[in-house]
Amino acid sequence: QVQLVESGGGLVQAGESLRLSCAASVSIFSINAMGWYRQAPGKQRELVATITSGGSTNYADSVKDRFTISRDNAKNTVYLQMYSLKPEDTGVYYCYAVTSAFPPRYYWGQGTQVVVSS
């Protein structure tokens, strides 16, 4: 069982920055990939960014060059640094993790709200 605890959401103005954190209850070396999804009001959940155990990253086109995902292995924590925030970045951001064991299992955090005002 993996527990994910997110923090760092809030209300900011367009153009400002925020950093989200996701702390895992187990060593992230036992996790194949971690990342963030977000869900805006009335929209489907969408993948924002992913980082693998090898450090490879992937971003949604809408956040490339503005968001950076990183990991601190010592703290079992993944971060999402968000720059130049836009109102369309508003939503609930969910951290997820996929375990390395077979079959892989998905775990989700409780979500953290990000609101970007224009």
Protein backbone atom coordinates (compact mmCIF):
# COMPACT_ATOMS: atom_id res chain seq x y z
CA GLN A 1 0.00 0.00 0.00
CA VAL A 2 1.32 3.41 -0.99
CA GLN A 3 0.05 6.60 0.52
CA LEU A 4 0.58 9.88 -1.27
CA VAL A 5 0.27 13.20 0.50
CA GLU A 6 0.12 16.34 -1.59
CA SER A 7 0.69 19.91 -0.56
CA GLY A 8 1.37 23.30 -2.05
CA GLY A 9 -1.82 24.26 -3.79
CA GLY A 10 -3.41 27.65 -3.41
CA LEU A 11 -4.73 30.78 -5.03
CA VAL A 12 -2.39 32.82 -7.20
CA GLN A 13 -2.64 35.42 -9.92
CA ALA A 14 -1.84 34.75 -13.54
CA GLY A 15 1.89 34.82 -14.17
CA GLU A 16 2.82 33.71 -10.68
CA SER A 17 4.37 30.43 -9.58
CA LEU A 18 3.52 27.54 -7.29
CA ARG A 19 5.27 24.36 -6.25
CA LEU A 20 3.33 21.22 -5.48
CA SER A 21 4.80 18.41 -3.42
CA CYS A 22 3.84 14.75 -3.25
CA ALA A 23 5.33 12.66 -0.48
CA ALA A 24 5.16 8.87 -0.80
CA SER A 25 4.91 6.57 2.20
CA VAL A 26 7.36 4.10 0.64
CA SER A 27 10.72 4.43 -1.04
CA ILE A 28 10.21 5.88 -4.47
CA PHE A 29 12.71 3.32 -5.73
CA SER A 30 9.83 0.83 -5.44
CA ILE A 31 7.75 3.08 -7.66
CA ASN A 32 8.08 2.89 -11.42
CA ALA A 33 6.67 6.31 -12.14
CA MET A 34 5.06 9.23 -10.37
CA GLY A 35 3.37 12.28 -11.66
CA TRP A 36 0.47 14.64 -11.65
CA TYR A 37 -2.94 14.72 -13.19
CA ARG A 38 -5.31 17.64 -12.95
CA GLN A 39 -9.04 18.04 -13.27
CA ALA A 40 -10.67 21.33 -14.09
CA PRO A 41 -14.34 21.93 -13.27
CA GLY A 42 -16.53 20.14 -15.79
CA LYS A 43 -13.58 18.54 -17.57
CA GLN A 44 -11.95 15.15 -17.61
CA ARG A 45 -8.82 14.44 -15.65
CA GLU A 46 -5.72 15.04 -17.77
CA LEU A 47 -2.11 14.03 -17.38
CA VAL A 48 0.14 16.97 -16.58
CA ALA A 49 3.59 15.51 -16.00
CA THR A 50 5.34 12.22 -15.25
CA ILE A 51 8.75 11.23 -13.98
CA THR A 52 10.02 7.68 -14.10
CA SER A 53 12.32 5.88 -11.71
CA GLY A 54 15.09 6.51 -14.23
CA GLY A 55 14.42 10.22 -14.20
CA SER A 56 12.76 10.51 -17.58
CA THR A 57 10.08 13.16 -17.75
CA ASN A 58 7.05 13.79 -19.88
CA TYR A 59 4.73 16.79 -20.01
CA ALA A 60 1.41 17.72 -21.49
CA ASP A 61 1.85 20.12 -24.39
CA SER A 62 -0.11 22.77 -22.51
CA VAL A 63 2.48 22.94 -19.71
CA LYS A 64 5.74 22.31 -21.52
CA ASP A 65 8.31 25.04 -20.86
CA ARG A 66 6.26 26.27 -17.87
CA PHE A 67 6.17 23.28 -15.50
CA THR A 68 9.02 21.16 -14.20
CA ILE A 69 8.67 17.82 -12.46
CA SER A 70 11.47 16.59 -10.25
CA ARG A 71 12.11 14.09 -7.49
CA ASP A 72 14.03 13.96 -4.23
CA ASN A 73 14.86 10.32 -3.62
CA ALA A 74 16.02 10.94 -0.07
CA LYS A 75 12.65 12.43 0.85
CA ASN A 76 10.53 10.06 -1.29
CA THR A 77 8.98 13.17 -2.73
CA VAL A 78 8.10 14.42 -6.18
CA TYR A 79 7.64 18.09 -6.96
CA LEU A 80 5.81 20.00 -9.64
CA GLN A 81 7.20 23.49 -10.09
CA MET A 82 4.72 25.61 -11.98
CA TYR A 83 5.75 28.91 -13.54
CA SER A 84 3.81 31.49 -15.53
CA LEU A 85 0.51 30.10 -14.34
CA LYS A 86 -2.56 30.74 -16.43
CA PRO A 87 -6.26 30.72 -15.49
CA GLU A 88 -6.63 27.52 -17.54
CA ASP A 89 -4.24 25.81 -15.14
CA THR A 90 -6.94 26.01 -12.48
CA GLY A 91 -8.07 22.66 -11.15
CA VAL A 92 -7.51 19.95 -8.62
CA TYR A 93 -4.06 18.43 -8.99
CA TYR A 94 -3.71 14.76 -8.13
CA CYS A 95 -0.46 13.00 -7.51
CA TYR A 96 -0.23 9.41 -8.69
CA ALA A 97 2.24 6.57 -8.42
CA VAL A 98 2.67 3.32 -10.30
CA THR A 99 4.51 0.57 -8.46
CA SER A 100 7.37 -1.39 -9.96
CA ALA A 101 6.02 -4.78 -8.88
CA PHE A 102 3.96 -6.92 -11.26
CA PRO A 103 1.11 -6.42 -11.72
CA PRO A 104 1.61 -2.67 -11.42
CA ARG A 105 -0.72 -0.83 -9.10
CA TYR A 106 -1.86 2.75 -9.26
CA TYR A 107 -2.20 4.93 -6.20
CA TRP A 108 -3.63 8.42 -5.91
CA GLY A 109 -3.28 11.34 -3.58
CA GLN A 110 -6.25 13.22 -2.20
CA GLY A 111 -5.77 16.17 -4.53
CA THR A 112 -4.74 19.76 -3.97
CA GLN A 113 -6.60 22.75 -5.36
CA VAL A 114 -4.88 25.27 -7.60
CA VAL A 115 -6.75 28.43 -8.55
CA VAL A 116 -5.23 30.94 -10.94
CA SER A 117 -7.05 34.25 -11.17
CA SER A 118 -6.79 36.52 -14.20
